[in-house]
Structure formats: C-alpha cells, structure tokens
PDB file of N, CA and C in Angstrom:
ATOM      1  N   MET A   1      11.782 -24.069  32.418  1.00  0.00           N
ATOM      2  CA  MET A   1      12.516 -25.313  32.504  1.00  0.00           C
ATOM      3  C   MET A   1      11.604 -26.367  33.072  1.00  0.00           C
ATOM      4  N   SER A   2      11.688 -27.518  32.510  1.00  0.00           N
ATOM      5  CA  SER A   2      10.792 -28.539  33.009  1.00  0.00           C
ATOM      6  C   SER A   2      11.423 -29.913  32.911  1.00  0.00           C
ATOM      7  N   GLY A   3      11.187 -30.691  33.945  1.00  0.00           N
ATOM      8  CA  GLY A   3      11.521 -32.099  33.976  1.00  0.00           C
ATOM      9  C   GLY A   3      12.868 -32.484  33.402  1.00  0.00           C
ATOM     10  N   SER A   4      12.940 -33.738  33.010  1.00  0.00           N
ATOM     11  CA  SER A   4      14.167 -34.302  32.462  1.00  0.00           C
ATOM     12  C   SER A   4      14.428 -33.782  31.064  1.00  0.00           C
ATOM     13  N   ARG A   5      15.669 -33.542  30.750  1.00  0.00           N
ATOM     14  CA  ARG A   5      16.068 -33.060  29.435  1.00  0.00           C
ATOM     15  C   ARG A   5      16.858 -34.149  28.717  1.00  0.00           C
ATOM     16  N   THR A   6      16.351 -35.356  28.695  1.00  0.00           N
ATOM     17  CA  THR A   6      17.039 -36.470  28.052  1.00  0.00           C
ATOM     18  C   THR A   6      17.335 -36.123  26.604  1.00  0.00           C
ATOM     19  N   GLY A   7      18.560 -36.358  26.195  1.00  0.00           N
ATOM     20  CA  GLY A   7      18.927 -36.126  24.811  1.00  0.00           C
ATOM     21  C   GLY A   7      19.554 -34.781  24.536  1.00  0.00           C
ATOM     22  N   THR A   8      19.630 -33.878  25.500  1.00  0.00           N
ATOM     23  CA  THR A   8      20.188 -32.557  25.235  1.00  0.00           C
ATOM     24  C   THR A   8      21.672 -32.616  24.918  1.00  0.00           C
ATOM     25  N   VAL A   9      22.357 -33.663  25.354  1.00  0.00           N
ATOM     26  CA  VAL A   9      23.787 -33.776  25.089  1.00  0.00           C
ATOM     27  C   VAL A   9      24.036 -33.864  23.589  1.00  0.00           C
ATOM     28  N   ASP A  10      23.151 -34.523  22.867  1.00  0.00           N
ATOM     29  CA  ASP A  10      23.340 -34.736  21.435  1.00  0.00           C
ATOM     30  C   ASP A  10      22.809 -33.592  20.578  1.00  0.00           C
ATOM     31  N   ARG A  11      22.071 -32.671  21.143  1.00  0.00           N
ATOM     32  CA  ARG A  11      21.497 -31.586  20.357  1.00  0.00           C
ATOM     33  C   ARG A  11      22.544 -30.522  20.082  1.00  0.00           C
ATOM     34  N   GLY A  12      22.404 -29.868  18.942  1.00  0.00           N
ATOM     35  CA  GLY A  12      23.344 -28.826  18.558  1.00  0.00           C
ATOM     36  C   GLY A  12      23.055 -27.509  19.241  1.00  0.00           C
ATOM     37  N   LEU A  13      24.022 -26.622  19.150  1.00  0.00           N
ATOM     38  CA  LEU A  13      23.913 -25.296  19.763  1.00  0.00           C
ATOM     39  C   LEU A  13      22.693 -24.549  19.248  1.00  0.00           C
ATOM     40  N   ALA A  14      22.440 -24.552  17.946  1.00  0.00           N
ATOM     41  CA  ALA A  14      21.306 -23.816  17.380  1.00  0.00           C
ATOM     42  C   ALA A  14      19.976 -24.345  17.912  1.00  0.00           C
ATOM     43  N   GLU A  15      19.851 -25.651  18.002  1.00  0.00           N
ATOM     44  CA  GLU A  15      18.609 -26.240  18.504  1.00  0.00           C
ATOM     45  C   GLU A  15      18.408 -25.916  19.985  1.00  0.00           C
ATOM     46  N   ARG A  16      19.470 -26.009  20.766  1.00  0.00           N
ATOM     47  CA  ARG A  16      19.356 -25.680  22.193  1.00  0.00           C
ATOM     48  C   ARG A  16      19.033 -24.206  22.382  1.00  0.00           C
ATOM     49  N   SER A  17      19.622 -23.343  21.550  1.00  0.00           N
ATOM     50  CA  SER A  17      19.346 -21.910  21.645  1.00  0.00           C
ATOM     51  C   SER A  17      17.882 -21.616  21.324  1.00  0.00           C
ATOM     52  N   ALA A  18      17.349 -22.242  20.290  1.00  0.00           N
ATOM     53  CA  ALA A  18      15.948 -22.045  19.923  1.00  0.00           C
ATOM     54  C   ALA A  18      15.033 -22.528  21.042  1.00  0.00           C
ATOM     55  N   ASP A  19      15.369 -23.664  21.641  1.00  0.00           N
ATOM     56  CA  ASP A  19      14.582 -24.181  22.761  1.00  0.00           C
ATOM     57  C   ASP A  19      14.603 -23.214  23.936  1.00  0.00           C
ATOM     58  N   ARG A  20      15.774 -22.667  24.237  1.00  0.00           N
ATOM     59  CA  ARG A  20      15.898 -21.739  25.357  1.00  0.00           C
ATOM     60  C   ARG A  20      15.094 -20.456  25.096  1.00  0.00           C
ATOM     61  N   ARG A  21      15.090 -19.971  23.850  1.00  0.00           N
ATOM     62  CA  ARG A  21      14.305 -18.777  23.521  1.00  0.00           C
ATOM     63  C   ARG A  21      12.813 -19.031  23.733  1.00  0.00           C
ATOM     64  N   ARG A  22      12.342 -20.238  23.425  1.00  0.00           N
ATOM     65  CA  ARG A  22      10.933 -20.564  23.641  1.00  0.00           C
ATOM     66  C   ARG A  22      10.584 -20.589  25.133  1.00  0.00           C
ATOM     67  N   ARG A  23      11.545 -20.934  25.973  1.00  0.00           N
ATOM     68  CA  ARG A  23      11.301 -21.039  27.418  1.00  0.00           C
ATOM     69  C   ARG A  23      11.698 -19.785  28.188  1.00  0.00           C
ATOM     70  N   ALA A  24      12.221 -18.779  27.504  1.00  0.00           N
ATOM     71  CA  ALA A  24      12.785 -17.606  28.176  1.00  0.00           C
ATOM     72  C   ALA A  24      11.739 -16.870  29.012  1.00  0.00           C
ATOM     73  N   VAL A  25      12.190 -16.382  30.148  1.00  0.00           N
ATOM     74  CA  VAL A  25      11.376 -15.574  31.040  1.00  0.00           C
ATOM     75  C   VAL A  25      12.122 -14.265  31.227  1.00  0.00           C
ATOM     76  N   GLY A  26      11.422 -13.155  31.122  1.00  0.00           N
ATOM     77  CA  GLY A  26      12.098 -11.864  31.251  1.00  0.00           C
ATOM     78  C   GLY A  26      11.419 -10.950  32.248  1.00  0.00           C
ATOM     79  N   ASN A  27      12.075  -9.853  32.522  1.00  0.00           N
ATOM     80  CA  ASN A  27      11.567  -8.878  33.473  1.00  0.00           C
ATOM     81  C   ASN A  27      12.173  -7.520  33.127  1.00  0.00           C
ATOM     82  N   ARG A  28      11.440  -6.462  33.371  1.00  0.00           N
ATOM     83  CA  ARG A  28      11.969  -5.109  33.180  1.00  0.00           C
ATOM     84  C   ARG A  28      12.079  -4.457  34.549  1.00  0.00           C
ATOM     85  N   ALA A  29      13.281  -4.155  34.935  1.00  0.00           N
ATOM     86  CA  ALA A  29      13.542  -3.566  36.255  1.00  0.00           C
ATOM     87  C   ALA A  29      13.839  -2.086  36.118  1.00  0.00           C
ATOM     88  N   ARG A  30      13.491  -1.333  37.131  1.00  0.00           N
ATOM     89  CA  ARG A  30      13.765   0.109  37.138  1.00  0.00           C
ATOM     90  C   ARG A  30      15.204   0.420  37.515  1.00  0.00           C
ATOM     91  N   ASP A  31      15.832  -0.496  38.239  1.00  0.00           N
ATOM     92  CA  ASP A  31      17.225  -0.267  38.630  1.00  0.00           C
ATOM     93  C   ASP A  31      17.897  -1.607  38.917  1.00  0.00           C
ATOM     94  N   PHE A  32      19.188  -1.539  39.178  1.00  0.00           N
ATOM     95  CA  PHE A  32      19.970  -2.750  39.404  1.00  0.00           C
ATOM     96  C   PHE A  32      19.444  -3.543  40.596  1.00  0.00           C
ATOM     97  N   HIS A  33      19.091  -2.867  41.668  1.00  0.00           N
ATOM     98  CA  HIS A  33      18.643  -3.571  42.877  1.00  0.00           C
ATOM     99  C   HIS A  33      17.340  -4.325  42.633  1.00  0.00           C
ATOM    100  N   GLU A  34      16.430  -3.725  41.883  1.00  0.00           N
ATOM    101  CA  GLU A  34      15.184  -4.414  41.544  1.00  0.00           C
ATOM    102  C   GLU A  34      15.469  -5.635  40.668  1.00  0.00           C
ATOM    103  N   ALA A  35      16.387  -5.483  39.723  1.00  0.00           N
ATOM    104  CA  ALA A  35      16.761  -6.608  38.858  1.00  0.00           C
ATOM    105  C   ALA A  35      17.391  -7.729  39.680  1.00  0.00           C
ATOM    106  N   GLU A  36      18.225  -7.371  40.615  1.00  0.00           N
ATOM    107  CA  GLU A  36      18.876  -8.372  41.454  1.00  0.00           C
ATOM    108  C   GLU A  36      17.849  -9.116  42.307  1.00  0.00           C
ATOM    109  N   ARG A  37      16.873  -8.391  42.868  1.00  0.00           N
ATOM    110  CA  ARG A  37      15.822  -9.044  43.660  1.00  0.00           C
ATOM    111  C   ARG A  37      15.018 -10.017  42.802  1.00  0.00           C
ATOM    112  N   TRP A  38      14.664  -9.581  41.585  1.00  0.00           N
ATOM    113  CA  TRP A  38      13.910 -10.448  40.682  1.00  0.00           C
ATOM    114  C   TRP A  38      14.717 -11.698  40.350  1.00  0.00           C
ATOM    115  N   ASP A  39      15.997 -11.512  40.044  1.00  0.00           N
ATOM    116  CA  ASP A  39      16.862 -12.637  39.688  1.00  0.00           C
ATOM    117  C   ASP A  39      16.947 -13.645  40.841  1.00  0.00           C
ATOM    118  N   LEU A  40      17.154 -13.155  42.037  1.00  0.00           N
ATOM    119  CA  LEU A  40      17.231 -14.059  43.193  1.00  0.00           C
ATOM    120  C   LEU A  40      15.910 -14.785  43.408  1.00  0.00           C
ATOM    121  N   GLN A  41      14.803 -14.072  43.255  1.00  0.00           N
ATOM    122  CA  GLN A  41      13.482 -14.680  43.410  1.00  0.00           C
ATOM    123  C   GLN A  41      13.247 -15.749  42.335  1.00  0.00           C
ATOM    124  N   PHE A  42      13.651 -15.442  41.098  1.00  0.00           N
ATOM    125  CA  PHE A  42      13.493 -16.390  40.005  1.00  0.00           C
ATOM    126  C   PHE A  42      14.251 -17.678  40.283  1.00  0.00           C
ATOM    127  N   TRP A  43      15.540 -17.566  40.607  1.00  0.00           N
ATOM    128  CA  TRP A  43      16.341 -18.774  40.809  1.00  0.00           C
ATOM    129  C   TRP A  43      15.958 -19.503  42.086  1.00  0.00           C
ATOM    130  N   ALA A  44      15.504 -18.790  43.104  1.00  0.00           N
ATOM    131  CA  ALA A  44      15.056 -19.446  44.340  1.00  0.00           C
ATOM    132  C   ALA A  44      13.792 -20.264  44.093  1.00  0.00           C
ATOM    133  N   SER A  45      13.010 -19.884  43.075  1.00  0.00           N
ATOM    134  CA  SER A  45      11.777 -20.617  42.783  1.00  0.00           C
ATOM    135  C   SER A  45      12.027 -21.858  41.928  1.00  0.00           C
ATOM    136  N   ARG A  46      13.244 -22.054  41.449  1.00  0.00           N
ATOM    137  CA  ARG A  46      13.592 -23.219  40.630  1.00  0.00           C
ATOM    138  C   ARG A  46      14.055 -24.358  41.527  1.00  0.00           C
ATOM    139  N   THR A  47      13.858 -25.563  41.035  1.00  0.00           N
ATOM    140  CA  THR A  47      14.321 -26.730  41.797  1.00  0.00           C
ATOM    141  C   THR A  47      15.838 -26.834  41.660  1.00  0.00           C
ATOM    142  N   PRO A  48      16.486 -27.550  42.561  1.00  0.00           N
ATOM    143  CA  PRO A  48      17.929 -27.749  42.409  1.00  0.00           C
ATOM    144  C   PRO A  48      18.279 -28.382  41.060  1.00  0.00           C
ATOM    145  N   GLU A  49      17.440 -29.299  40.601  1.00  0.00           N
ATOM    146  CA  GLU A  49      17.687 -29.936  39.312  1.00  0.00           C
ATOM    147  C   GLU A  49      17.644 -28.924  38.165  1.00  0.00           C
ATOM    148  N   GLU A  50      16.679 -28.004  38.210  1.00  0.00           N
ATOM    149  CA  GLU A  50      16.572 -26.981  37.168  1.00  0.00           C
ATOM    150  C   GLU A  50      17.773 -26.045  37.185  1.00  0.00           C
ATOM    151  N   ARG A  51      18.253 -25.711  38.375  1.00  0.00           N
ATOM    152  CA  ARG A  51      19.426 -24.836  38.473  1.00  0.00           C
ATOM    153  C   ARG A  51      20.668 -25.523  37.918  1.00  0.00           C
ATOM    154  N   ILE A  52      20.835 -26.796  38.227  1.00  0.00           N
ATOM    155  CA  ILE A  52      21.988 -27.539  37.700  1.00  0.00           C
ATOM    156  C   ILE A  52      21.875 -27.677  36.189  1.00  0.00           C
ATOM    157  N   LEU A  53      20.673 -27.954  35.692  1.00  0.00           N
ATOM    158  CA  LEU A  53      20.461 -28.059  34.250  1.00  0.00           C
ATOM    159  C   LEU A  53      20.829 -26.753  33.555  1.00  0.00           C
ATOM    160  N   ALA A  54      20.425 -25.623  34.115  1.00  0.00           N
ATOM    161  CA  ALA A  54      20.752 -24.322  33.520  1.00  0.00           C
ATOM    162  C   ALA A  54      22.264 -24.124  33.457  1.00  0.00           C
ATOM    163  N   LEU A  55      22.956 -24.469  34.523  1.00  0.00           N
ATOM    164  CA  LEU A  55      24.407 -24.345  34.550  1.00  0.00           C
ATOM    165  C   LEU A  55      25.051 -25.244  33.503  1.00  0.00           C
ATOM    166  N   GLU A  56      24.567 -26.470  33.392  1.00  0.00           N
ATOM    167  CA  GLU A  56      25.108 -27.403  32.405  1.00  0.00           C
ATOM    168  C   GLU A  56      24.849 -26.904  30.979  1.00  0.00           C
ATOM    169  N   GLU A  57      23.667 -26.349  30.721  1.00  0.00           N
ATOM    170  CA  GLU A  57      23.367 -25.820  29.392  1.00  0.00           C
ATOM    171  C   GLU A  57      24.287 -24.658  29.042  1.00  0.00           C
ATOM    172  N   LEU A  58      24.524 -23.781  30.003  1.00  0.00           N
ATOM    173  CA  LEU A  58      25.442 -22.657  29.763  1.00  0.00           C
ATOM    174  C   LEU A  58      26.862 -23.148  29.504  1.00  0.00           C
ATOM    175  N   ARG A  59      27.301 -24.125  30.283  1.00  0.00           N
ATOM    176  CA  ARG A  59      28.643 -24.679  30.104  1.00  0.00           C
ATOM    177  C   ARG A  59      28.786 -25.326  28.725  1.00  0.00           C
ATOM    178  N   ARG A  60      27.804 -26.092  28.334  1.00  0.00           N
ATOM    179  CA  ARG A  60      27.823 -26.765  27.041  1.00  0.00           C
ATOM    180  C   ARG A  60      27.818 -25.760  25.900  1.00  0.00           C
ATOM    181  N   ASP A  61      26.968 -24.742  26.004  1.00  0.00           N
ATOM    182  CA  ASP A  61      26.922 -23.721  24.954  1.00  0.00           C
ATOM    183  C   ASP A  61      28.234 -22.962  24.865  1.00  0.00           C
ATOM    184  N   ALA A  62      28.831 -22.641  26.002  1.00  0.00           N
ATOM    185  CA  ALA A  62      30.101 -21.918  25.995  1.00  0.00           C
ATOM    186  C   ALA A  62      31.192 -22.733  25.315  1.00  0.00           C
ATOM    187  N   SER A  63      31.184 -24.037  25.544  1.00  0.00           N
ATOM    188  CA  SER A  63      32.199 -24.870  24.897  1.00  0.00           C
ATOM    189  C   SER A  63      31.916 -25.020  23.406  1.00  0.00           C
ATOM    190  N   ASP A  64      30.641 -24.980  22.991  1.00  0.00           N
ATOM    191  CA  ASP A  64      30.283 -25.091  21.572  1.00  0.00           C
ATOM    192  C   ASP A  64      30.603 -23.815  20.796  1.00  0.00           C
ATOM    193  N   VAL A  65      30.569 -22.674  21.426  1.00  0.00           N
ATOM    194  CA  VAL A  65      30.789 -21.402  20.746  1.00  0.00           C
ATOM    195  C   VAL A  65      32.183 -21.338  20.152  1.00  0.00           C
ATOM    196  N   GLY A  66      33.154 -21.892  20.817  1.00  0.00           N
ATOM    197  CA  GLY A  66      34.531 -21.843  20.348  1.00  0.00           C
ATOM    198  C   GLY A  66      34.848 -22.804  19.219  1.00  0.00           C
ATOM    199  N   ARG A  67      33.897 -23.620  18.836  1.00  0.00           N
ATOM    200  CA  ARG A  67      34.156 -24.641  17.799  1.00  0.00           C
ATOM    201  C   ARG A  67      33.921 -24.121  16.415  1.00  0.00           C
TER     202      ARG A  67
END
C-alpha cells in the first residue's frame, strides 16, 4: 500500500482486485499463533492511513459483491 489512492472510488471491483493482487504480501506460517504474530506485525508496520485505506477497500468491495 502506498500513498494517496485518489480515484479509487470510481474504479470497478475487477480493477481494484487486480491492483490488490499486484500489491499482495503473503506469509506461510507453521501454526495459528505464528500466523497471528505475523499478521499483527504486518498491520503494526502500516501507517494509520494505510490501515484505514485497507478497511475502506474491503468495505467497498463487500458492497460491490452484492450488486
């Protein structure tokens, strides 16, 4: 995730999904606790703006899925 996402409101679900796949970060954990630690570390390393943007993108996609 990076900087301002001006214009994302007007982009379609498919375009936003493709963009998210290009930016995706993954991890392979041996167990749930390791996955949880990685997840907390990942989100703690993001800025507040990036965390809010992620939440807004998920909310927007969820509302688009039902259409």
